[in-house]
Amino acid sequence: MIQAKQELLAALAAAIAEVAPGAGLAAAFESPKQAAHGDLACTAAMPLAKALRKNPRDVAGLLRAALNHQPAVQRWVEQIEIAGPGFINLRLLPAAKQALVAEVLAGGEHFGRQPAQPDKVLVEFVSANPTGPLH
């Protein structure tokens, strides 16, 4: 699902660029608070609606139409729903979830690890005034 999510983020970015060129809105998915709302949720229609001066549900419909033409959506998504004031909820195909399991198994004990980054440490020496507070 990690690969699926990355591909879907690229598809969402392309859909946003198609619906509102130059909007400068970053593509992002969230995990819905309720499982009944799907596997991934997107709120991009609401800020785009403000910029386009349109109804958020109408903008969500435009985004859904643009998403439906994306190969990643056709590969990984079972259904796209518009809910509430303009939320876009995606239900993933079982293959997307199976791909996540395969990625976890392939990664083994190293799955999810990040390469070590050298830490920088700043050490300051305080010259304390015995008659005043430290700051």
N, C-alpha and C. Protein backbone atom coordinates (compact mmCIF):
# COMPACT_ATOMS: atom_id res chain seq x y z
N MET A 1 0.83 -1.19 0.00
CA MET A 1 0.00 0.00 0.00
C MET A 1 0.87 1.25 0.00
N ILE A 2 2.12 1.11 0.44
CA ILE A 2 3.01 2.27 0.42
C ILE A 2 3.23 2.71 -1.02
N GLN A 3 3.52 1.75 -1.89
CA GLN A 3 3.67 2.08 -3.31
C GLN A 3 2.35 2.59 -3.86
N ALA A 4 1.25 1.96 -3.48
CA ALA A 4 -0.07 2.39 -3.95
C ALA A 4 -0.35 3.81 -3.51
N LYS A 5 -0.04 4.13 -2.25
CA LYS A 5 -0.31 5.48 -1.74
C LYS A 5 0.54 6.51 -2.47
N GLN A 6 1.79 6.17 -2.75
CA GLN A 6 2.66 7.10 -3.48
C GLN A 6 2.11 7.34 -4.89
N GLU A 7 1.68 6.27 -5.55
CA GLU A 7 1.11 6.42 -6.89
C GLU A 7 -0.18 7.22 -6.84
N LEU A 8 -1.00 7.00 -5.82
CA LEU A 8 -2.26 7.73 -5.70
C LEU A 8 -2.02 9.20 -5.37
N LEU A 9 -0.99 9.50 -4.60
CA LEU A 9 -0.64 10.90 -4.33
C LEU A 9 -0.24 11.61 -5.62
N ALA A 10 0.54 10.93 -6.46
CA ALA A 10 0.92 11.51 -7.75
C ALA A 10 -0.31 11.72 -8.62
N ALA A 11 -1.25 10.77 -8.59
CA ALA A 11 -2.49 10.89 -9.37
C ALA A 11 -3.32 12.06 -8.85
N LEU A 12 -3.39 12.22 -7.53
CA LEU A 12 -4.14 13.34 -6.96
C LEU A 12 -3.49 14.67 -7.34
N ALA A 13 -2.17 14.74 -7.32
CA ALA A 13 -1.48 15.97 -7.72
C ALA A 13 -1.79 16.31 -9.17
N ALA A 14 -1.82 15.30 -10.03
CA ALA A 14 -2.16 15.53 -11.44
C ALA A 14 -3.60 15.98 -11.58
N ALA A 15 -4.51 15.41 -10.80
CA ALA A 15 -5.92 15.81 -10.86
C ALA A 15 -6.10 17.24 -10.37
N ILE A 16 -5.40 17.61 -9.31
CA ILE A 16 -5.47 18.99 -8.81
C ILE A 16 -4.95 19.96 -9.87
N ALA A 17 -3.84 19.60 -10.51
CA ALA A 17 -3.28 20.46 -11.56
C ALA A 17 -4.23 20.58 -12.75
N GLU A 18 -4.98 19.52 -13.02
CA GLU A 18 -5.94 19.55 -14.14
C GLU A 18 -7.15 20.42 -13.81
N VAL A 19 -7.65 20.31 -12.58
CA VAL A 19 -8.85 21.05 -12.18
C VAL A 19 -8.53 22.51 -11.89
N ALA A 20 -7.40 22.77 -11.25
CA ALA A 20 -7.04 24.13 -10.87
C ALA A 20 -5.56 24.36 -11.14
N PRO A 21 -5.20 24.60 -12.41
CA PRO A 21 -3.78 24.82 -12.73
C PRO A 21 -3.22 26.02 -11.95
N GLY A 22 -2.05 25.83 -11.40
CA GLY A 22 -1.40 26.92 -10.68
C GLY A 22 -1.95 27.16 -9.29
N ALA A 23 -2.77 26.26 -8.77
CA ALA A 23 -3.35 26.46 -7.44
C ALA A 23 -2.29 26.33 -6.35
N GLY A 24 -1.27 25.53 -6.60
CA GLY A 24 -0.20 25.38 -5.63
C GLY A 24 -0.60 24.58 -4.40
N LEU A 25 -1.65 23.80 -4.49
CA LEU A 25 -2.11 22.98 -3.37
C LEU A 25 -1.39 21.64 -3.38
N ALA A 26 -0.83 21.26 -2.26
CA ALA A 26 -0.12 19.98 -2.16
C ALA A 26 -1.13 18.85 -2.03
N ALA A 27 -0.86 17.77 -2.73
CA ALA A 27 -1.72 16.59 -2.65
C ALA A 27 -1.47 15.88 -1.33
N ALA A 28 -2.55 15.50 -0.65
CA ALA A 28 -2.41 14.80 0.63
C ALA A 28 -3.62 13.93 0.89
N PHE A 29 -3.36 12.78 1.47
CA PHE A 29 -4.42 11.88 1.91
C PHE A 29 -4.34 11.76 3.42
N GLU A 30 -5.49 11.52 4.03
CA GLU A 30 -5.57 11.27 5.46
C GLU A 30 -6.21 9.91 5.66
N SER A 31 -6.04 9.37 6.84
CA SER A 31 -6.78 8.16 7.21
C SER A 31 -8.10 8.61 7.82
N PRO A 32 -9.22 8.13 7.29
CA PRO A 32 -10.51 8.55 7.85
C PRO A 32 -10.65 8.12 9.30
N LYS A 33 -11.39 8.91 10.08
CA LYS A 33 -11.60 8.58 11.49
C LYS A 33 -12.49 7.36 11.65
N GLN A 34 -13.38 7.14 10.70
CA GLN A 34 -14.28 5.98 10.73
C GLN A 34 -14.00 5.09 9.53
N ALA A 35 -13.93 3.79 9.78
CA ALA A 35 -13.63 2.84 8.70
C ALA A 35 -14.71 2.86 7.62
N ALA A 36 -15.92 3.25 7.97
CA ALA A 36 -17.01 3.30 6.99
C ALA A 36 -16.77 4.36 5.92
N HIS A 37 -15.85 5.28 6.17
CA HIS A 37 -15.57 6.35 5.21
C HIS A 37 -14.50 5.97 4.20
N GLY A 38 -14.07 4.73 4.19
CA GLY A 38 -13.09 4.29 3.20
C GLY A 38 -11.71 4.11 3.79
N ASP A 39 -10.74 3.92 2.90
CA ASP A 39 -9.36 3.68 3.31
C ASP A 39 -8.52 4.95 3.32
N LEU A 40 -8.80 5.86 2.40
CA LEU A 40 -8.08 7.13 2.32
C LEU A 40 -9.09 8.25 2.13
N ALA A 41 -8.81 9.42 2.68
CA ALA A 41 -9.69 10.57 2.53
C ALA A 41 -8.87 11.77 2.09
N CYS A 42 -9.53 12.66 1.37
CA CYS A 42 -8.86 13.85 0.85
C CYS A 42 -9.77 15.06 1.04
N THR A 43 -9.21 16.16 1.49
CA THR A 43 -9.99 17.38 1.70
C THR A 43 -9.62 18.47 0.69
N ALA A 44 -8.94 18.11 -0.38
CA ALA A 44 -8.43 19.10 -1.34
C ALA A 44 -9.53 19.93 -1.99
N ALA A 45 -10.74 19.38 -2.10
CA ALA A 45 -11.82 20.10 -2.78
C ALA A 45 -12.20 21.38 -2.04
N MET A 46 -12.09 21.39 -0.73
CA MET A 46 -12.53 22.56 0.03
C MET A 46 -11.63 23.77 -0.16
N PRO A 47 -10.30 23.65 -0.02
CA PRO A 47 -9.48 24.83 -0.30
C PRO A 47 -9.49 25.22 -1.78
N LEU A 48 -9.62 24.23 -2.67
CA LEU A 48 -9.70 24.55 -4.10
C LEU A 48 -10.99 25.29 -4.41
N ALA A 49 -12.08 24.91 -3.75
CA ALA A 49 -13.38 25.56 -3.98
C ALA A 49 -13.30 27.04 -3.62
N LYS A 50 -12.60 27.32 -2.55
CA LYS A 50 -12.45 28.72 -2.14
C LYS A 50 -11.67 29.49 -3.20
N ALA A 51 -10.60 28.89 -3.71
CA ALA A 51 -9.78 29.57 -4.72
C ALA A 51 -10.54 29.71 -6.04
N LEU A 52 -11.35 28.70 -6.39
CA LEU A 52 -12.09 28.73 -7.66
C LEU A 52 -13.45 29.41 -7.54
N ARG A 53 -13.85 29.73 -6.31
CA ARG A 53 -15.16 30.34 -6.04
C ARG A 53 -16.30 29.46 -6.56
N LYS A 54 -16.21 28.18 -6.19
CA LYS A 54 -17.23 27.21 -6.57
C LYS A 54 -17.65 26.43 -5.34
N ASN A 55 -18.73 25.68 -5.48
CA ASN A 55 -19.21 24.82 -4.42
C ASN A 55 -18.20 23.68 -4.21
N PRO A 56 -17.82 23.38 -2.97
CA PRO A 56 -16.84 22.31 -2.73
C PRO A 56 -17.27 20.94 -3.27
N ARG A 57 -18.56 20.63 -3.22
CA ARG A 57 -19.02 19.34 -3.76
C ARG A 57 -18.85 19.30 -5.27
N ASP A 58 -19.04 20.45 -5.94
CA ASP A 58 -18.83 20.50 -7.39
C ASP A 58 -17.35 20.30 -7.72
N VAL A 59 -16.48 20.92 -6.95
CA VAL A 59 -15.04 20.76 -7.16
C VAL A 59 -14.63 19.32 -6.87
N ALA A 60 -15.23 18.72 -5.84
CA ALA A 60 -14.95 17.31 -5.53
C ALA A 60 -15.37 16.42 -6.70
N GLY A 61 -16.49 16.76 -7.35
CA GLY A 61 -16.92 16.01 -8.53
C GLY A 61 -15.93 16.14 -9.68
N LEU A 62 -15.39 17.34 -9.86
CA LEU A 62 -14.38 17.54 -10.91
C LEU A 62 -13.11 16.75 -10.60
N LEU A 63 -12.71 16.76 -9.33
CA LEU A 63 -11.52 15.99 -8.93
C LEU A 63 -11.75 14.49 -9.11
N ARG A 64 -12.95 14.03 -8.76
CA ARG A 64 -13.24 12.60 -8.92
C ARG A 64 -13.17 12.22 -10.40
N ALA A 65 -13.73 13.06 -11.27
CA ALA A 65 -13.68 12.77 -12.71
C ALA A 65 -12.24 12.75 -13.21
N ALA A 66 -11.43 13.70 -12.74
CA ALA A 66 -10.02 13.73 -13.15
C ALA A 66 -9.26 12.53 -12.59
N LEU A 67 -9.58 12.13 -11.37
CA LEU A 67 -8.92 10.97 -10.77
C LEU A 67 -9.26 9.68 -11.50
N ASN A 68 -10.50 9.55 -11.95
CA ASN A 68 -10.93 8.32 -12.61
C ASN A 68 -10.14 8.02 -13.87
N HIS A 69 -9.52 9.03 -14.47
CA HIS A 69 -8.74 8.84 -15.70
C HIS A 69 -7.28 8.49 -15.41
N GLN A 70 -6.89 8.53 -14.15
CA GLN A 70 -5.49 8.27 -13.78
C GLN A 70 -5.24 6.76 -13.70
N PRO A 71 -4.16 6.27 -14.31
CA PRO A 71 -3.86 4.83 -14.27
C PRO A 71 -3.71 4.27 -12.85
N ALA A 72 -3.13 5.05 -11.95
CA ALA A 72 -2.95 4.57 -10.58
C ALA A 72 -4.29 4.33 -9.90
N VAL A 73 -5.25 5.19 -10.17
CA VAL A 73 -6.58 5.03 -9.58
C VAL A 73 -7.25 3.79 -10.15
N GLN A 74 -7.12 3.58 -11.44
CA GLN A 74 -7.70 2.39 -12.06
C GLN A 74 -7.05 1.12 -11.52
N ARG A 75 -5.79 1.22 -11.15
CA ARG A 75 -5.05 0.05 -10.66
C ARG A 75 -5.35 -0.27 -9.20
N TRP A 76 -5.51 0.75 -8.34
CA TRP A 76 -5.58 0.53 -6.90
C TRP A 76 -6.93 0.82 -6.25
N VAL A 77 -7.81 1.59 -6.89
CA VAL A 77 -9.01 2.08 -6.22
C VAL A 77 -10.25 1.33 -6.69
N GLU A 78 -11.05 0.93 -5.72
CA GLU A 78 -12.31 0.25 -6.01
C GLU A 78 -13.43 1.26 -6.22
N GLN A 79 -13.47 2.30 -5.37
CA GLN A 79 -14.57 3.26 -5.43
C GLN A 79 -14.11 4.62 -4.90
N ILE A 80 -14.62 5.69 -5.52
CA ILE A 80 -14.38 7.05 -5.05
C ILE A 80 -15.74 7.64 -4.70
N GLU A 81 -15.88 8.11 -3.46
CA GLU A 81 -17.14 8.70 -3.00
C GLU A 81 -16.92 10.16 -2.62
N ILE A 82 -17.96 10.95 -2.80
CA ILE A 82 -17.95 12.33 -2.31
C ILE A 82 -18.88 12.36 -1.11
N ALA A 83 -18.40 12.88 0.00
CA ALA A 83 -19.19 12.89 1.22
C ALA A 83 -19.17 14.27 1.85
N GLY A 84 -20.23 14.55 2.58
CA GLY A 84 -20.31 15.80 3.34
C GLY A 84 -20.12 17.03 2.47
N PRO A 85 -19.37 18.00 2.98
CA PRO A 85 -19.21 19.26 2.25
C PRO A 85 -18.23 19.20 1.09
N GLY A 86 -17.58 18.05 0.86
CA GLY A 86 -16.63 17.95 -0.24
C GLY A 86 -15.47 17.02 0.03
N PHE A 87 -15.64 16.13 0.99
CA PHE A 87 -14.61 15.12 1.25
C PHE A 87 -14.60 14.12 0.11
N ILE A 88 -13.43 13.66 -0.26
CA ILE A 88 -13.29 12.61 -1.28
C ILE A 88 -12.74 11.39 -0.56
N ASN A 89 -13.54 10.33 -0.52
CA ASN A 89 -13.16 9.09 0.16
C ASN A 89 -12.85 8.02 -0.86
N LEU A 90 -11.72 7.35 -0.69
CA LEU A 90 -11.30 6.28 -1.59
C LEU A 90 -11.36 4.94 -0.87
N ARG A 91 -11.93 3.96 -1.54
CA ARG A 91 -11.90 2.57 -1.07
C ARG A 91 -10.94 1.83 -1.97
N LEU A 92 -9.93 1.23 -1.36
CA LEU A 92 -8.89 0.55 -2.13
C LEU A 92 -9.29 -0.88 -2.45
N LEU A 93 -8.77 -1.37 -3.54
CA LEU A 93 -8.96 -2.76 -3.92
C LEU A 93 -8.17 -3.65 -2.94
N PRO A 94 -8.61 -4.88 -2.75
CA PRO A 94 -7.84 -5.79 -1.90
C PRO A 94 -6.39 -5.94 -2.36
N ALA A 95 -6.13 -5.80 -3.65
CA ALA A 95 -4.76 -5.92 -4.17
C ALA A 95 -3.83 -4.86 -3.55
N ALA A 96 -4.35 -3.67 -3.25
CA ALA A 96 -3.53 -2.63 -2.63
C ALA A 96 -3.11 -3.04 -1.23
N LYS A 97 -4.03 -3.65 -0.50
CA LYS A 97 -3.71 -4.09 0.85
C LYS A 97 -2.77 -5.30 0.82
N GLN A 98 -2.94 -6.15 -0.16
CA GLN A 98 -2.05 -7.30 -0.31
C GLN A 98 -0.64 -6.84 -0.68
N ALA A 99 -0.55 -5.77 -1.46
CA ALA A 99 0.76 -5.23 -1.83
C ALA A 99 1.50 -4.72 -0.59
N LEU A 100 0.75 -4.15 0.37
CA LEU A 100 1.38 -3.68 1.61
C LEU A 100 1.96 -4.86 2.38
N VAL A 101 1.21 -5.94 2.48
CA VAL A 101 1.70 -7.12 3.19
C VAL A 101 2.97 -7.64 2.51
N ALA A 102 2.97 -7.65 1.18
CA ALA A 102 4.15 -8.12 0.44
C ALA A 102 5.35 -7.21 0.71
N GLU A 103 5.12 -5.89 0.79
CA GLU A 103 6.21 -4.95 1.07
C GLU A 103 6.77 -5.16 2.48
N VAL A 104 5.89 -5.41 3.44
CA VAL A 104 6.33 -5.64 4.82
C VAL A 104 7.15 -6.92 4.89
N LEU A 105 6.66 -7.98 4.26
CA LEU A 105 7.39 -9.26 4.28
C LEU A 105 8.73 -9.15 3.55
N ALA A 106 8.76 -8.42 2.44
CA ALA A 106 10.01 -8.26 1.69
C ALA A 106 11.03 -7.45 2.49
N GLY A 107 10.55 -6.47 3.27
CA GLY A 107 11.44 -5.64 4.07
C GLY A 107 11.98 -6.36 5.29
N GLY A 108 11.26 -7.39 5.73
CA GLY A 108 11.70 -8.15 6.90
C GLY A 108 11.87 -7.26 8.11
N GLU A 109 12.92 -7.53 8.87
CA GLU A 109 13.14 -6.77 10.10
C GLU A 109 13.59 -5.34 9.83
N HIS A 110 13.95 -5.04 8.59
CA HIS A 110 14.39 -3.68 8.25
C HIS A 110 13.26 -2.82 7.71
N PHE A 111 12.04 -3.37 7.63
CA PHE A 111 10.91 -2.60 7.11
C PHE A 111 10.65 -1.38 8.00
N GLY A 112 10.55 -0.23 7.38
CA GLY A 112 10.22 1.00 8.10
C GLY A 112 11.40 1.72 8.72
N ARG A 113 12.56 1.14 8.67
CA ARG A 113 13.74 1.80 9.24
C ARG A 113 14.21 2.91 8.32
N GLN A 114 14.69 3.95 8.94
CA GLN A 114 15.26 5.08 8.21
C GLN A 114 16.77 5.03 8.38
N PRO A 115 17.52 5.43 7.36
CA PRO A 115 18.98 5.47 7.53
C PRO A 115 19.36 6.46 8.62
N ALA A 116 20.39 6.12 9.36
CA ALA A 116 20.82 6.98 10.47
C ALA A 116 21.32 8.31 9.93
N GLN A 117 20.93 9.36 10.60
CA GLN A 117 21.37 10.71 10.26
C GLN A 117 22.27 11.20 11.38
N PRO A 118 23.42 11.78 11.05
CA PRO A 118 24.27 12.31 12.13
C PRO A 118 23.55 13.46 12.83
N ASP A 119 23.58 13.42 14.15
CA ASP A 119 22.93 14.47 14.93
C ASP A 119 23.88 15.64 15.12
N LYS A 120 23.30 16.82 15.14
CA LYS A 120 24.07 18.02 15.46
C LYS A 120 23.67 18.45 16.86
N VAL A 121 24.65 18.80 17.64
CA VAL A 121 24.40 19.19 19.01
C VAL A 121 24.98 20.59 19.21
N LEU A 122 24.20 21.45 19.82
CA LEU A 122 24.65 22.80 20.14
C LEU A 122 24.83 22.88 21.65
N VAL A 123 26.04 23.19 22.08
CA VAL A 123 26.33 23.30 23.51
C VAL A 123 26.63 24.76 23.80
N GLU A 124 25.89 25.31 24.74
CA GLU A 124 26.11 26.69 25.15
C GLU A 124 26.59 26.70 26.59
N PHE A 125 27.54 27.57 26.86
CA PHE A 125 28.04 27.73 28.21
C PHE A 125 27.45 29.02 28.77
N VAL A 126 26.91 28.89 29.97
CA VAL A 126 26.26 30.04 30.59
C VAL A 126 27.27 30.77 31.45
N SER A 127 27.33 32.07 31.25
CA SER A 127 28.13 32.91 32.13
C SER A 127 27.14 33.52 33.12
N ALA A 128 27.02 32.89 34.27
CA ALA A 128 25.98 33.28 35.22
C ALA A 128 26.38 34.51 36.02
N ASN A 129 25.43 35.38 36.19
CA ASN A 129 25.58 36.53 37.06
C ASN A 129 24.97 36.10 38.40
N PRO A 130 25.75 36.04 39.45
CA PRO A 130 25.21 35.53 40.72
C PRO A 130 24.11 36.40 41.31
N THR A 131 23.95 37.63 40.84
CA THR A 131 22.91 38.50 41.40
C THR A 131 21.67 38.57 40.52
N GLY A 132 21.68 37.89 39.37
CA GLY A 132 20.53 37.96 38.45
C GLY A 132 20.05 36.57 38.05
N PRO A 133 18.92 36.52 37.39
CA PRO A 133 18.37 35.22 36.97
C PRO A 133 19.12 34.68 35.74
N LEU A 134 19.10 33.37 35.60
CA LEU A 134 19.66 32.75 34.40
C LEU A 134 18.64 32.88 33.28
N HIS A 135 19.10 33.15 32.10
CA HIS A 135 18.18 33.23 30.96
C HIS A 135 18.83 32.73 29.71
